[in-house]
Protein backbone atom coordinates (compact mmCIF):
# COMPACT_ATOMS: atom_id res chain seq x y z
CA GLN A 1 12.99 2.30 4.41
CA VAL A 2 11.17 0.13 2.14
CA GLN A 3 7.59 -0.43 2.90
CA LEU A 4 4.48 -2.47 1.90
CA VAL A 5 1.21 -1.46 3.22
CA GLU A 6 -1.95 -3.75 2.57
CA SER A 7 -5.50 -2.28 3.06
CA GLY A 8 -8.92 -3.06 1.89
CA GLY A 9 -9.94 -5.86 4.54
CA GLY A 10 -12.91 -6.08 6.64
CA LEU A 11 -15.94 -8.17 6.97
CA VAL A 12 -18.00 -8.96 4.11
CA GLN A 13 -20.68 -11.48 3.70
CA PRO A 14 -20.50 -14.57 1.92
CA GLY A 15 -20.76 -13.65 -2.09
CA GLY A 16 -19.65 -10.38 -1.62
CA SER A 17 -16.66 -8.63 -2.73
CA LEU A 18 -13.60 -7.00 -1.62
CA ARG A 19 -10.48 -4.99 -2.93
CA LEU A 20 -7.12 -5.07 -1.11
CA SER A 21 -4.20 -2.84 -1.81
CA CYS A 22 -0.53 -2.97 -1.55
CA ALA A 23 0.81 -0.23 -1.46
CA GLY A 24 4.71 0.36 -2.13
CA SER A 25 7.33 2.72 -0.37
CA GLY A 26 10.65 3.30 -0.76
CA ILE A 27 10.75 0.61 -4.03
CA ILE A 28 9.41 0.74 -7.52
CA VAL A 29 6.58 -1.91 -7.56
CA ARG A 30 6.50 -2.45 -11.23
CA VAL A 31 10.00 -3.89 -11.53
CA TYR A 32 8.84 -6.60 -8.41
CA ASP A 33 7.51 -9.76 -8.92
CA VAL A 34 4.35 -9.43 -6.22
CA GLY A 35 2.40 -11.86 -4.39
CA TRP A 36 -0.79 -11.78 -2.43
CA TYR A 37 -0.19 -14.51 0.32
CA ARG A 38 -2.93 -15.62 2.95
CA GLN A 39 -2.83 -17.62 5.86
CA ALA A 40 -5.69 -18.60 8.36
CA PRO A 41 -5.84 -19.82 11.73
CA GLY A 42 -3.72 -22.92 12.01
CA GLU A 43 -2.77 -23.08 8.69
CA GLN A 44 0.32 -22.16 7.07
CA ARG A 45 0.44 -19.08 4.55
CA GLU A 46 -0.62 -19.86 0.94
CA LEU A 47 0.26 -17.85 -2.62
CA VAL A 48 -2.97 -16.48 -3.86
CA ALA A 49 -1.93 -14.54 -7.09
CA THR A 50 0.98 -13.17 -8.29
CA ILE A 51 1.86 -10.69 -10.75
CA THR A 52 5.45 -10.22 -12.37
CA SER A 53 7.37 -7.58 -13.16
CA GLY A 54 6.35 -8.15 -16.92
CA GLY A 55 2.82 -8.35 -16.04
CA THR A 56 2.09 -11.96 -16.03
CA THR A 57 -0.15 -13.24 -13.72
CA SER A 58 -1.26 -16.21 -11.90
CA TYR A 59 -3.72 -17.79 -9.54
CA ALA A 60 -4.35 -20.63 -7.10
CA ASP A 61 -6.88 -22.95 -8.15
CA SER A 62 -9.05 -22.26 -5.10
CA VAL A 63 -9.75 -18.02 -6.48
CA LYS A 64 -9.32 -18.64 -10.16
CA GLY A 65 -12.31 -16.77 -11.52
CA ARG A 66 -12.71 -15.67 -8.49
CA PHE A 67 -10.12 -12.99 -7.94
CA THR A 68 -7.97 -10.46 -10.20
CA ILE A 69 -4.43 -9.31 -9.65
CA SER A 70 -3.49 -5.81 -11.06
CA ARG A 71 -0.87 -3.16 -10.54
CA ASP A 72 -1.28 0.58 -10.77
CA ASN A 73 2.09 1.89 -12.08
CA ALA A 74 1.04 5.54 -11.37
CA LYS A 75 0.22 4.39 -7.76
CA ASN A 76 2.97 2.04 -7.22
CA THR A 77 0.32 -0.12 -6.08
CA VAL A 78 -0.89 -3.72 -6.28
CA TYR A 79 -4.49 -4.88 -6.10
CA LEU A 80 -6.53 -7.76 -5.48
CA GLN A 81 -10.01 -7.65 -6.24
CA MET A 82 -11.54 -10.38 -4.66
CA THR A 83 -15.50 -11.70 -5.85
CA SER A 84 -17.72 -14.49 -4.95
CA LEU A 85 -16.08 -14.73 -1.38
CA LYS A 86 -16.39 -17.89 0.65
CA SER A 87 -15.73 -18.24 4.28
CA GLU A 88 -13.12 -20.52 3.40
CA ASP A 89 -11.50 -17.04 1.99
CA THR A 90 -11.24 -15.97 5.59
CA ALA A 91 -7.58 -15.05 6.31
CA VAL A 92 -5.15 -12.55 7.39
CA TYR A 93 -3.42 -11.33 3.38
CA TYR A 94 -0.11 -10.22 3.16
CA CYS A 95 1.57 -9.10 -0.30
CA ASN A 96 5.17 -9.92 -1.30
CA SER A 97 8.00 -8.44 -3.58
CA VAL A 98 10.85 -9.79 -4.77
CA ARG A 99 13.54 -9.68 -6.94
CA GLU A 100 15.89 -11.62 -7.96
CA SER A 101 18.33 -9.27 -9.56
CA PRO A 102 21.53 -7.91 -9.33
CA MET A 103 20.33 -9.53 -5.95
CA ARG A 104 17.55 -11.38 -3.60
CA LEU A 105 15.12 -8.72 -2.19
CA SER A 106 12.26 -9.92 -0.61
CA TYR A 107 9.75 -7.57 1.32
CA TRP A 108 6.14 -8.29 3.05
CA GLY A 109 3.56 -6.27 4.50
CA GLN A 110 2.02 -6.26 7.93
CA GLY A 111 -1.47 -8.01 6.30
CA THR A 112 -4.88 -7.08 6.44
CA GLN A 113 -7.73 -9.57 8.25
CA VAL A 114 -10.50 -10.78 5.38
CA THR A 115 -13.20 -12.49 7.20
CA VAL A 116 -16.34 -14.12 5.21
CA SER A 117 -19.41 -14.30 7.46
CA SER A 118 -23.06 -13.60 7.84
């Protein structure tokens, strides 16, 4: 059974930092493209950061320079390091793994809540 399990969310003050983890089981995370998404109340889910199977990273403009996505192949885990957090970063954060070949496979985690508030 394939599972992606996010952890690391919580309550943090503006300007603070958090590191989210997305641990895979039943899949080899490094052969997938993995994205971190977030969804705030009443908003659509948005893509925050991605890391491809080849290790290429990309970021939404709103988080560029503040968030860093990385992968630890030995731990089969993808991380999202978040710094200089703002109230507008408050959302449920989800990880998603996708591969297109030999057939399209996509898996989502259950989400972890991040709340930025003083």
